[in-house]
Amino acid sequence: MLPPAAPGRGHGGDRRGADALAVQRLRRRRRDYLLRSWHSSTRPARLRLDPGQRWIRLEILDTDRGGLFDTVGTVAFRAHYRESGRPGALEEQSRFVREDGRWVYLDAG
């Protein structure tokens, strides 16, 4: 299930990914969206994901800018997952920028 659509227009002309926070949420829920939402200067050629790891919850800790009229933004989060039946968590502060008018993930700041 995808999160509710954000206001504005995002990737592919739909309403998702219209701000940095919406892109962050989609990146954790949709594996096919990861590479498409990565900045061209930091995007890996291939992405190898562990099929035994399941992301179960995204907890937003903080945001800074990343809205409709911004060109940069950050999202601090804790992503919860299960791997081999054990719980785990990843904390990161992701940096987002606009590339060709779209919000994309730049790197972990």
PDB file of N, CA and C in Angstrom:
ATOM      1  N   MET A   1       0.840  -1.180   0.000  1.00  0.00           N
ATOM      2  CA  MET A   1       0.000   0.000   0.000  1.00  0.00           C
ATOM      3  C   MET A   1       0.881   1.236   0.000  1.00  0.00           C
ATOM      4  N   LEU A   2       0.592   2.192  -0.843  1.00  0.00           N
ATOM      5  CA  LEU A   2       1.363   3.423  -0.928  1.00  0.00           C
ATOM      6  C   LEU A   2       0.799   4.459   0.032  1.00  0.00           C
ATOM      7  N   PRO A   3       1.668   5.396   0.469  1.00  0.00           N
ATOM      8  CA  PRO A   3       1.177   6.467   1.334  1.00  0.00           C
ATOM      9  C   PRO A   3       0.278   7.404   0.548  1.00  0.00           C
ATOM     10  N   PRO A   4      -0.487   8.229   1.248  1.00  0.00           N
ATOM     11  CA  PRO A   4      -1.349   9.180   0.542  1.00  0.00           C
ATOM     12  C   PRO A   4      -0.525  10.093  -0.349  1.00  0.00           C
ATOM     13  N   ALA A   5      -1.094  10.516  -1.448  1.00  0.00           N
ATOM     14  CA  ALA A   5      -0.397  11.393  -2.385  1.00  0.00           C
ATOM     15  C   ALA A   5      -0.134  12.750  -1.756  1.00  0.00           C
ATOM     16  N   ALA A   6       1.022  13.303  -2.081  1.00  0.00           N
ATOM     17  CA  ALA A   6       1.378  14.650  -1.622  1.00  0.00           C
ATOM     18  C   ALA A   6       0.826  15.665  -2.616  1.00  0.00           C
ATOM     19  N   PRO A   7       0.624  16.904  -2.188  1.00  0.00           N
ATOM     20  CA  PRO A   7       0.126  17.907  -3.121  1.00  0.00           C
ATOM     21  C   PRO A   7       1.174  18.230  -4.178  1.00  0.00           C
ATOM     22  N   GLY A   8       0.726  18.665  -5.351  1.00  0.00           N
ATOM     23  CA  GLY A   8       1.656  19.024  -6.412  1.00  0.00           C
ATOM     24  C   GLY A   8       1.920  17.846  -7.321  1.00  0.00           C
ATOM     25  N   ARG A   9       2.901  17.981  -8.192  1.00  0.00           N
ATOM     26  CA  ARG A   9       3.230  16.926  -9.143  1.00  0.00           C
ATOM     27  C   ARG A   9       4.616  16.369  -8.852  1.00  0.00           C
ATOM     28  N   GLY A  10       4.762  15.065  -8.988  1.00  0.00           N
ATOM     29  CA  GLY A  10       6.033  14.423  -8.715  1.00  0.00           C
ATOM     30  C   GLY A  10       6.528  13.642  -9.907  1.00  0.00           C
ATOM     31  N   HIS A  11       7.220  12.539  -9.668  1.00  0.00           N
ATOM     32  CA  HIS A  11       7.774  11.695 -10.725  1.00  0.00           C
ATOM     33  C   HIS A  11       6.674  11.130 -11.591  1.00  0.00           C
ATOM     34  N   GLY A  12       6.911  11.088 -12.879  1.00  0.00           N
ATOM     35  CA  GLY A  12       5.975  10.461 -13.793  1.00  0.00           C
ATOM     36  C   GLY A  12       4.659  11.201 -13.944  1.00  0.00           C
ATOM     37  N   GLY A  13       4.574  12.457 -13.514  1.00  0.00           N
ATOM     38  CA  GLY A  13       3.363  13.229 -13.660  1.00  0.00           C
ATOM     39  C   GLY A  13       2.297  12.940 -12.625  1.00  0.00           C
ATOM     40  N   ASP A  14       2.567  11.982 -11.710  1.00  0.00           N
ATOM     41  CA  ASP A  14       1.557  11.732 -10.685  1.00  0.00           C
ATOM     42  C   ASP A  14       1.753  12.712  -9.535  1.00  0.00           C
ATOM     43  N   ARG A  15       0.976  12.550  -8.487  1.00  0.00           N
ATOM     44  CA  ARG A  15       1.011  13.509  -7.391  1.00  0.00           C
ATOM     45  C   ARG A  15       1.953  13.070  -6.276  1.00  0.00           C
ATOM     46  N   ARG A  16       2.611  11.930  -6.407  1.00  0.00           N
ATOM     47  CA  ARG A  16       3.525  11.460  -5.370  1.00  0.00           C
ATOM     48  C   ARG A  16       4.900  12.062  -5.589  1.00  0.00           C
ATOM     49  N   GLY A  17       5.664  12.245  -4.531  1.00  0.00           N
ATOM     50  CA  GLY A  17       7.028  12.741  -4.649  1.00  0.00           C
ATOM     51  C   GLY A  17       7.120  14.231  -4.889  1.00  0.00           C
ATOM     52  N   ALA A  18       6.098  14.976  -4.482  1.00  0.00           N
ATOM     53  CA  ALA A  18       6.066  16.405  -4.728  1.00  0.00           C
ATOM     54  C   ALA A  18       6.943  17.194  -3.765  1.00  0.00           C
ATOM     55  N   ASP A  19       7.393  16.589  -2.674  1.00  0.00           N
ATOM     56  CA  ASP A  19       8.312  17.252  -1.760  1.00  0.00           C
ATOM     57  C   ASP A  19       9.290  16.213  -1.213  1.00  0.00           C
ATOM     58  N   ALA A  20      10.317  16.681  -0.502  1.00  0.00           N
ATOM     59  CA  ALA A  20      11.376  15.790  -0.019  1.00  0.00           C
ATOM     60  C   ALA A  20      10.829  14.698   0.904  1.00  0.00           C
ATOM     61  N   LEU A  21       9.906  15.034   1.766  1.00  0.00           N
ATOM     62  CA  LEU A  21       9.344  14.060   2.696  1.00  0.00           C
ATOM     63  C   LEU A  21       8.573  12.964   1.955  1.00  0.00           C
ATOM     64  N   ALA A  22       7.801  13.343   0.945  1.00  0.00           N
ATOM     65  CA  ALA A  22       7.058  12.348   0.166  1.00  0.00           C
ATOM     66  C   ALA A  22       8.006  11.402  -0.569  1.00  0.00           C
ATOM     67  N   VAL A  23       9.100  11.934  -1.110  1.00  0.00           N
ATOM     68  CA  VAL A  23      10.085  11.090  -1.790  1.00  0.00           C
ATOM     69  C   VAL A  23      10.699  10.116  -0.798  1.00  0.00           C
ATOM     70  N   GLN A  24      11.035  10.595   0.404  1.00  0.00           N
ATOM     71  CA  GLN A  24      11.618   9.712   1.417  1.00  0.00           C
ATOM     72  C   GLN A  24      10.680   8.571   1.762  1.00  0.00           C
ATOM     73  N   ARG A  25       9.420   8.874   1.937  1.00  0.00           N
ATOM     74  CA  ARG A  25       8.446   7.829   2.277  1.00  0.00           C
ATOM     75  C   ARG A  25       8.315   6.798   1.154  1.00  0.00           C
ATOM     76  N   LEU A  26       8.276   7.261  -0.082  1.00  0.00           N
ATOM     77  CA  LEU A  26       8.163   6.337  -1.207  1.00  0.00           C
ATOM     78  C   LEU A  26       9.414   5.483  -1.367  1.00  0.00           C
ATOM     79  N   ARG A  27      10.596   6.049  -1.083  1.00  0.00           N
ATOM     80  CA  ARG A  27      11.845   5.294  -1.223  1.00  0.00           C
ATOM     81  C   ARG A  27      11.877   4.101  -0.280  1.00  0.00           C
ATOM     82  N   ARG A  28      11.279   4.189   0.865  1.00  0.00           N
ATOM     83  CA  ARG A  28      11.286   3.089   1.821  1.00  0.00           C
ATOM     84  C   ARG A  28      10.197   2.066   1.537  1.00  0.00           C
ATOM     85  N   ARG A  29       9.178   2.428   0.783  1.00  0.00           N
ATOM     86  CA  ARG A  29       8.064   1.514   0.536  1.00  0.00           C
ATOM     87  C   ARG A  29       8.131   0.831  -0.819  1.00  0.00           C
ATOM     88  N   ARG A  30       8.705   1.484  -1.788  1.00  0.00           N
ATOM     89  CA  ARG A  30       8.704   0.945  -3.146  1.00  0.00           C
ATOM     90  C   ARG A  30      10.124   0.779  -3.643  1.00  0.00           C
ATOM     91  N   ARG A  31      10.571  -0.449  -3.724  1.00  0.00           N
ATOM     92  CA  ARG A  31      11.947  -0.711  -4.166  1.00  0.00           C
ATOM     93  C   ARG A  31      12.178  -0.258  -5.598  1.00  0.00           C
ATOM     94  N   ASP A  32      11.159  -0.352  -6.449  1.00  0.00           N
ATOM     95  CA  ASP A  32      11.315   0.070  -7.842  1.00  0.00           C
ATOM     96  C   ASP A  32      11.520   1.578  -7.952  1.00  0.00           C
ATOM     97  N   TYR A  33      11.170   2.303  -6.938  1.00  0.00           N
ATOM     98  CA  TYR A  33      11.275   3.759  -6.931  1.00  0.00           C
ATOM     99  C   TYR A  33      12.662   4.244  -6.512  1.00  0.00           C
ATOM    100  N   LEU A  34      13.449   3.395  -5.875  1.00  0.00           N
ATOM    101  CA  LEU A  34      14.742   3.806  -5.338  1.00  0.00           C
ATOM    102  C   LEU A  34      15.654   4.432  -6.389  1.00  0.00           C
ATOM    103  N   LEU A  35      15.960   3.721  -7.447  1.00  0.00           N
ATOM    104  CA  LEU A  35      16.871   4.248  -8.465  1.00  0.00           C
ATOM    105  C   LEU A  35      16.286   5.446  -9.195  1.00  0.00           C
ATOM    106  N   ARG A  36      14.996   5.426  -9.479  1.00  0.00           N
ATOM    107  CA  ARG A  36      14.369   6.553 -10.186  1.00  0.00           C
ATOM    108  C   ARG A  36      14.398   7.839  -9.368  1.00  0.00           C
ATOM    109  N   SER A  37      14.451   7.718  -8.048  1.00  0.00           N
ATOM    110  CA  SER A  37      14.409   8.908  -7.193  1.00  0.00           C
ATOM    111  C   SER A  37      15.795   9.297  -6.671  1.00  0.00           C
ATOM    112  N   TRP A  38      16.857   8.773  -7.272  1.00  0.00           N
ATOM    113  CA  TRP A  38      18.233   9.038  -6.855  1.00  0.00           C
ATOM    114  C   TRP A  38      18.840  10.084  -7.776  1.00  0.00           C
ATOM    115  N   HIS A  39      19.598  11.033  -7.249  1.00  0.00           N
ATOM    116  CA  HIS A  39      20.254  12.065  -8.058  1.00  0.00           C
ATOM    117  C   HIS A  39      21.242  11.417  -9.021  1.00  0.00           C
ATOM    118  N   SER A  40      21.317  11.932 -10.226  1.00  0.00           N
ATOM    119  CA  SER A  40      22.168  11.330 -11.260  1.00  0.00           C
ATOM    120  C   SER A  40      23.649  11.309 -10.882  1.00  0.00           C
ATOM    121  N   SER A  41      24.105  12.236 -10.050  1.00  0.00           N
ATOM    122  CA  SER A  41      25.533  12.284  -9.687  1.00  0.00           C
ATOM    123  C   SER A  41      25.904  11.283  -8.590  1.00  0.00           C
ATOM    124  N   THR A  42      24.933  10.737  -7.873  1.00  0.00           N
ATOM    125  CA  THR A  42      25.223   9.799  -6.778  1.00  0.00           C
ATOM    126  C   THR A  42      24.526   8.448  -6.955  1.00  0.00           C
ATOM    127  N   ARG A  43      23.756   8.285  -8.009  1.00  0.00           N
ATOM    128  CA  ARG A  43      23.002   7.051  -8.254  1.00  0.00           C
ATOM    129  C   ARG A  43      23.941   5.908  -8.614  1.00  0.00           C
ATOM    130  N   PRO A  44      23.817   4.770  -7.919  1.00  0.00           N
ATOM    131  CA  PRO A  44      24.633   3.612  -8.295  1.00  0.00           C
ATOM    132  C   PRO A  44      24.138   3.020  -9.618  1.00  0.00           C
ATOM    133  N   ALA A  45      25.039   2.337 -10.317  1.00  0.00           N
ATOM    134  CA  ALA A  45      24.661   1.713 -11.586  1.00  0.00           C
ATOM    135  C   ALA A  45      23.658   0.584 -11.357  1.00  0.00           C
ATOM    136  N   ARG A  46      23.862  -0.163 -10.282  1.00  0.00           N
ATOM    137  CA  ARG A  46      22.956  -1.260  -9.921  1.00  0.00           C
ATOM    138  C   ARG A  46      22.699  -1.196  -8.433  1.00  0.00           C
ATOM    139  N   LEU A  47      21.605  -1.749  -8.039  1.00  0.00           N
ATOM    140  CA  LEU A  47      21.229  -1.764  -6.636  1.00  0.00           C
ATOM    141  C   LEU A  47      20.944  -3.196  -6.234  1.00  0.00           C
ATOM    142  N   ARG A  48      21.719  -3.694  -5.282  1.00  0.00           N
ATOM    143  CA  ARG A  48      21.501  -5.060  -4.792  1.00  0.00           C
ATOM    144  C   ARG A  48      20.849  -4.978  -3.423  1.00  0.00           C
ATOM    145  N   LEU A  49      19.625  -5.459  -3.352  1.00  0.00           N
ATOM    146  CA  LEU A  49      18.868  -5.422  -2.109  1.00  0.00           C
ATOM    147  C   LEU A  49      18.766  -6.829  -1.535  1.00  0.00           C
ATOM    148  N   ASP A  50      18.815  -6.921  -0.239  1.00  0.00           N
ATOM    149  CA  ASP A  50      18.712  -8.206   0.441  1.00  0.00           C
ATOM    150  C   ASP A  50      17.249  -8.658   0.433  1.00  0.00           C
ATOM    151  N   PRO A  51      16.943  -9.758  -0.247  1.00  0.00           N
ATOM    152  CA  PRO A  51      15.541 -10.201  -0.307  1.00  0.00           C
ATOM    153  C   PRO A  51      14.997 -10.655   1.047  1.00  0.00           C
ATOM    154  N   GLY A  52      15.876 -10.951   1.998  1.00  0.00           N
ATOM    155  CA  GLY A  52      15.436 -11.376   3.320  1.00  0.00           C
ATOM    156  C   GLY A  52      15.162 -10.224   4.269  1.00  0.00           C
ATOM    157  N   GLN A  53      15.417  -9.004   3.815  1.00  0.00           N
ATOM    158  CA  GLN A  53      15.185  -7.828   4.651  1.00  0.00           C
ATOM    159  C   GLN A  53      13.858  -7.190   4.250  1.00  0.00           C
ATOM    160  N   ARG A  54      13.004  -6.957   5.245  1.00  0.00           N
ATOM    161  CA  ARG A  54      11.693  -6.368   4.988  1.00  0.00           C
ATOM    162  C   ARG A  54      11.548  -5.086   5.792  1.00  0.00           C
ATOM    163  N   TRP A  55      11.367  -3.968   5.105  1.00  0.00           N
ATOM    164  CA  TRP A  55      11.162  -2.678   5.773  1.00  0.00           C
ATOM    165  C   TRP A  55       9.728  -2.629   6.267  1.00  0.00           C
ATOM    166  N   ILE A  56       9.556  -2.296   7.557  1.00  0.00           N
ATOM    167  CA  ILE A  56       8.207  -2.371   8.121  1.00  0.00           C
ATOM    168  C   ILE A  56       7.641  -1.041   8.584  1.00  0.00           C
ATOM    169  N   ARG A  57       8.513  -0.077   8.883  1.00  0.00           N
ATOM    170  CA  ARG A  57       7.974   1.204   9.371  1.00  0.00           C
ATOM    171  C   ARG A  57       8.997   2.297   9.174  1.00  0.00           C
ATOM    172  N   LEU A  58       8.530   3.487   8.831  1.00  0.00           N
ATOM    173  CA  LEU A  58       9.382   4.664   8.694  1.00  0.00           C
ATOM    174  C   LEU A  58       8.943   5.688   9.722  1.00  0.00           C
ATOM    175  N   GLU A  59       9.868   6.086  10.556  1.00  0.00           N
ATOM    176  CA  GLU A  59       9.609   7.079  11.599  1.00  0.00           C
ATOM    177  C   GLU A  59      10.350   8.356  11.229  1.00  0.00           C
ATOM    178  N   ILE A  60       9.626   9.431  10.960  1.00  0.00           N
ATOM    179  CA  ILE A  60      10.242  10.705  10.612  1.00  0.00           C
ATOM    180  C   ILE A  60      10.637  11.411  11.902  1.00  0.00           C
ATOM    181  N   LEU A  61      11.921  11.738  12.024  1.00  0.00           N
ATOM    182  CA  LEU A  61      12.442  12.389  13.226  1.00  0.00           C
ATOM    183  C   LEU A  61      12.485  13.900  13.088  1.00  0.00           C
ATOM    184  N   ASP A  62      12.785  14.383  11.877  1.00  0.00           N
ATOM    185  CA  ASP A  62      12.895  15.826  11.662  1.00  0.00           C
ATOM    186  C   ASP A  62      12.925  16.103  10.164  1.00  0.00           C
ATOM    187  N   THR A  63      12.492  17.288   9.776  1.00  0.00           N
ATOM    188  CA  THR A  63      12.618  17.741   8.399  1.00  0.00           C
ATOM    189  C   THR A  63      13.109  19.178   8.408  1.00  0.00           C
ATOM    190  N   ASP A  64      13.812  19.551   7.356  1.00  0.00           N
ATOM    191  CA  ASP A  64      14.264  20.928   7.191  1.00  0.00           C
ATOM    192  C   ASP A  64      14.124  21.279   5.719  1.00  0.00           C
ATOM    193  N   ARG A  65      13.324  22.263   5.440  1.00  0.00           N
ATOM    194  CA  ARG A  65      13.023  22.698   4.075  1.00  0.00           C
ATOM    195  C   ARG A  65      12.509  21.526   3.250  1.00  0.00           C
ATOM    196  N   GLY A  66      12.719  21.550   1.949  1.00  0.00           N
ATOM    197  CA  GLY A  66      12.243  20.455   1.108  1.00  0.00           C
ATOM    198  C   GLY A  66      10.810  20.596   0.645  1.00  0.00           C
ATOM    199  N   GLY A  67      10.256  21.790   0.719  1.00  0.00           N
ATOM    200  CA  GLY A  67       8.870  22.004   0.332  1.00  0.00           C
ATOM    201  C   GLY A  67       8.708  22.541  -1.077  1.00  0.00           C
ATOM    202  N   LEU A  68       7.542  23.004  -1.362  1.00  0.00           N
ATOM    203  CA  LEU A  68       7.149  23.440  -2.690  1.00  0.00           C
ATOM    204  C   LEU A  68       8.072  24.505  -3.285  1.00  0.00           C
ATOM    205  N   PHE A  69       8.525  25.460  -2.472  1.00  0.00           N
ATOM    206  CA  PHE A  69       9.320  26.565  -2.997  1.00  0.00           C
ATOM    207  C   PHE A  69      10.812  26.425  -2.693  1.00  0.00           C
ATOM    208  N   ASP A  70      11.236  25.279  -2.164  1.00  0.00           N
ATOM    209  CA  ASP A  70      12.644  25.044  -1.829  1.00  0.00           C
ATOM    210  C   ASP A  70      13.352  24.296  -2.959  1.00  0.00           C
ATOM    211  N   THR A  71      14.685  24.344  -2.900  1.00  0.00           N
ATOM    212  CA  THR A  71      15.494  23.580  -3.860  1.00  0.00           C
ATOM    213  C   THR A  71      16.325  22.515  -3.162  1.00  0.00           C
ATOM    214  N   VAL A  72      16.420  22.582  -1.846  1.00  0.00           N
ATOM    215  CA  VAL A  72      17.126  21.574  -1.048  1.00  0.00           C
ATOM    216  C   VAL A  72      16.275  21.243   0.169  1.00  0.00           C
ATOM    217  N   GLY A  73      16.529  20.093   0.754  1.00  0.00           N
ATOM    218  CA  GLY A  73      15.819  19.715   1.964  1.00  0.00           C
ATOM    219  C   GLY A  73      16.468  18.505   2.604  1.00  0.00           C
ATOM    220  N   THR A  74      16.202  18.318   3.885  1.00  0.00           N
ATOM    221  CA  THR A  74      16.701  17.137   4.591  1.00  0.00           C
ATOM    222  C   THR A  74      15.549  16.469   5.341  1.00  0.00           C
ATOM    223  N   VAL A  75      15.679  15.158   5.461  1.00  0.00           N
ATOM    224  CA  VAL A  75      14.713  14.373   6.224  1.00  0.00           C
ATOM    225  C   VAL A  75      15.503  13.432   7.120  1.00  0.00           C
ATOM    226  N   ALA A  76      15.366  13.593   8.422  1.00  0.00           N
ATOM    227  CA  ALA A  76      15.973  12.666   9.374  1.00  0.00           C
ATOM    228  C   ALA A  76      14.933  11.617   9.714  1.00  0.00           C
ATOM    229  N   PHE A  77      15.352  10.354   9.696  1.00  0.00           N
ATOM    230  CA  PHE A  77      14.384   9.286   9.896  1.00  0.00           C
ATOM    231  C   PHE A  77      15.025   8.093  10.590  1.00  0.00           C
ATOM    232  N   ARG A  78      14.157   7.227  11.054  1.00  0.00           N
ATOM    233  CA  ARG A  78      14.539   5.903  11.555  1.00  0.00           C
ATOM    234  C   ARG A  78      13.656   4.908  10.805  1.00  0.00           C
ATOM    235  N   ALA A  79      14.292   4.032  10.046  1.00  0.00           N
ATOM    236  CA  ALA A  79      13.562   3.018   9.274  1.00  0.00           C
ATOM    237  C   ALA A  79      13.694   1.687  10.002  1.00  0.00           C
ATOM    238  N   HIS A  80      12.578   1.089  10.307  1.00  0.00           N
ATOM    239  CA  HIS A  80      12.556  -0.181  11.029  1.00  0.00           C
ATOM    240  C   HIS A  80      12.397  -1.328  10.029  1.00  0.00           C
ATOM    241  N   TYR A  81      13.099  -2.408  10.279  1.00  0.00           N
ATOM    242  CA  TYR A  81      13.043  -3.557   9.386  1.00  0.00           C
ATOM    243  C   TYR A  81      13.152  -4.855  10.169  1.00  0.00           C
ATOM    244  N   ARG A  82      12.897  -5.951   9.463  1.00  0.00           N
ATOM    245  CA  ARG A  82      13.108  -7.298  10.004  1.00  0.00           C
ATOM    246  C   ARG A  82      14.007  -8.022   9.027  1.00  0.00           C
ATOM    247  N   GLU A  83      14.971  -8.728   9.578  1.00  0.00           N
ATOM    248  CA  GLU A  83      15.882  -9.523   8.762  1.00  0.00           C
ATOM    249  C   GLU A  83      16.126 -10.839   9.474  1.00  0.00           C
ATOM    250  N   SER A  84      15.832 -11.922   8.793  1.00  0.00           N
ATOM    251  CA  SER A  84      15.945 -13.259   9.381  1.00  0.00           C
ATOM    252  C   SER A  84      15.173 -13.354  10.690  1.00  0.00           C
ATOM    253  N   GLY A  85      14.012 -12.713  10.730  1.00  0.00           N
ATOM    254  CA  GLY A  85      13.160 -12.761  11.904  1.00  0.00           C
ATOM    255  C   GLY A  85      13.541 -11.817  13.024  1.00  0.00           C
ATOM    256  N   ARG A  86      14.619 -11.082  12.872  1.00  0.00           N
ATOM    257  CA  ARG A  86      15.078 -10.160  13.932  1.00  0.00           C
ATOM    258  C   ARG A  86      14.788  -8.705  13.545  1.00  0.00           C
ATOM    259  N   PRO A  87      14.374  -7.903  14.529  1.00  0.00           N
ATOM    260  CA  PRO A  87      14.131  -6.491  14.235  1.00  0.00           C
ATOM    261  C   PRO A  87      15.447  -5.715  14.158  1.00  0.00           C
ATOM    262  N   GLY A  88      15.417  -4.649  13.393  1.00  0.00           N
ATOM    263  CA  GLY A  88      16.558  -3.745  13.281  1.00  0.00           C
ATOM    264  C   GLY A  88      16.071  -2.366  12.917  1.00  0.00           C
ATOM    265  N   ALA A  89      16.979  -1.406  12.940  1.00  0.00           N
ATOM    266  CA  ALA A  89      16.617  -0.032  12.578  1.00  0.00           C
ATOM    267  C   ALA A  89      17.816   0.654  11.938  1.00  0.00           C
ATOM    268  N   LEU A  90      17.535   1.540  11.022  1.00  0.00           N
ATOM    269  CA  LEU A  90      18.532   2.355  10.347  1.00  0.00           C
ATOM    270  C   LEU A  90      18.155   3.806  10.567  1.00  0.00           C
ATOM    271  N   GLU A  91      19.092   4.602  11.097  1.00  0.00           N
ATOM    272  CA  GLU A  91      18.858   6.037  11.255  1.00  0.00           C
ATOM    273  C   GLU A  91      19.730   6.777  10.262  1.00  0.00           C
ATOM    274  N   GLU A  92      19.145   7.792   9.631  1.00  0.00           N
ATOM    275  CA  GLU A  92      19.871   8.544   8.612  1.00  0.00           C
ATOM    276  C   GLU A  92      19.282   9.935   8.496  1.00  0.00           C
ATOM    277  N   GLN A  93      20.109  10.854   8.036  1.00  0.00           N
ATOM    278  CA  GLN A  93      19.632  12.175   7.657  1.00  0.00           C
ATOM    279  C   GLN A  93      19.871  12.283   6.156  1.00  0.00           C
ATOM    280  N   SER A  94      18.816  12.167   5.388  1.00  0.00           N
ATOM    281  CA  SER A  94      18.902  12.165   3.928  1.00  0.00           C
ATOM    282  C   SER A  94      18.818  13.581   3.393  1.00  0.00           C
ATOM    283  N   ARG A  95      19.662  13.860   2.390  1.00  0.00           N
ATOM    284  CA  ARG A  95      19.625  15.160   1.717  1.00  0.00           C
ATOM    285  C   ARG A  95      18.944  14.992   0.368  1.00  0.00           C
ATOM    286  N   PHE A  96      18.049  15.920   0.065  1.00  0.00           N
ATOM    287  CA  PHE A  96      17.304  15.923  -1.187  1.00  0.00           C
ATOM    288  C   PHE A  96      17.521  17.243  -1.904  1.00  0.00           C
ATOM    289  N   VAL A  97      17.514  17.184  -3.224  1.00  0.00           N
ATOM    290  CA  VAL A  97      17.624  18.379  -4.062  1.00  0.00           C
ATOM    291  C   VAL A  97      16.663  18.222  -5.227  1.00  0.00           C
ATOM    292  N   ARG A  98      16.450  19.318  -5.917  1.00  0.00           N
ATOM    293  CA  ARG A  98      15.645  19.239  -7.143  1.00  0.00           C
ATOM    294  C   ARG A  98      16.589  19.006  -8.325  1.00  0.00           C
ATOM    295  N   GLU A  99      16.210  18.059  -9.168  1.00  0.00           N
ATOM    296  CA  GLU A  99      16.938  17.797 -10.403  1.00  0.00           C
ATOM    297  C   GLU A  99      15.899  17.766 -11.517  1.00  0.00           C
ATOM    298  N   ASP A 100      16.060  18.649 -12.488  1.00  0.00           N
ATOM    299  CA  ASP A 100      15.076  18.779 -13.568  1.00  0.00           C
ATOM    300  C   ASP A 100      13.671  19.008 -13.016  1.00  0.00           C
ATOM    301  N   GLY A 101      13.597  19.780 -11.936  1.00  0.00           N
ATOM    302  CA  GLY A 101      12.308  20.141 -11.347  1.00  0.00           C
ATOM    303  C   GLY A 101      11.712  19.119 -10.407  1.00  0.00           C
ATOM    304  N   ARG A 102      12.353  17.937 -10.263  1.00  0.00           N
ATOM    305  CA  ARG A 102      11.816  16.869  -9.409  1.00  0.00           C
ATOM    306  C   ARG A 102      12.674  16.728  -8.161  1.00  0.00           C
ATOM    307  N   TRP A 103      12.052  16.345  -7.059  1.00  0.00           N
ATOM    308  CA  TRP A 103      12.799  16.045  -5.840  1.00  0.00           C
ATOM    309  C   TRP A 103      13.467  14.689  -5.989  1.00  0.00           C
ATOM    310  N   VAL A 104      14.766  14.637  -5.675  1.00  0.00           N
ATOM    311  CA  VAL A 104      15.516  13.387  -5.733  1.00  0.00           C
ATOM    312  C   VAL A 104      16.434  13.300  -4.518  1.00  0.00           C
ATOM    313  N   TYR A 105      16.746  12.073  -4.124  1.00  0.00           N
ATOM    314  CA  TYR A 105      17.663  11.793  -3.025  1.00  0.00           C
ATOM    315  C   TYR A 105      19.080  12.073  -3.494  1.00  0.00           C
ATOM    316  N   LEU A 106      19.836  12.866  -2.722  1.00  0.00           N
ATOM    317  CA  LEU A 106      21.235  13.163  -3.059  1.00  0.00           C
ATOM    318  C   LEU A 106      22.176  12.211  -2.325  1.00  0.00           C
ATOM    319  N   ASP A 107      22.091  12.235  -0.984  1.00  0.00           N
ATOM    320  CA  ASP A 107      22.963  11.374  -0.188  1.00  0.00           C
ATOM    321  C   ASP A 107      22.558  11.450   1.284  1.00  0.00           C
ATOM    322  N   ALA A 108      23.296  10.700   2.095  1.00  0.00           N
ATOM    323  CA  ALA A 108      23.102  10.750   3.545  1.00  0.00           C
ATOM    324  C   ALA A 108      24.047  11.806   4.084  1.00  0.00           C
ATOM    325  N   GLY A 109      23.488  12.907   4.554  1.00  0.00           N
ATOM    326  CA  GLY A 109      24.288  14.042   4.987  1.00  0.00           C
ATOM    327  C   GLY A 109      24.939  13.878   6.323  1.00  0.00           C
TER     328      GLY A 109
END
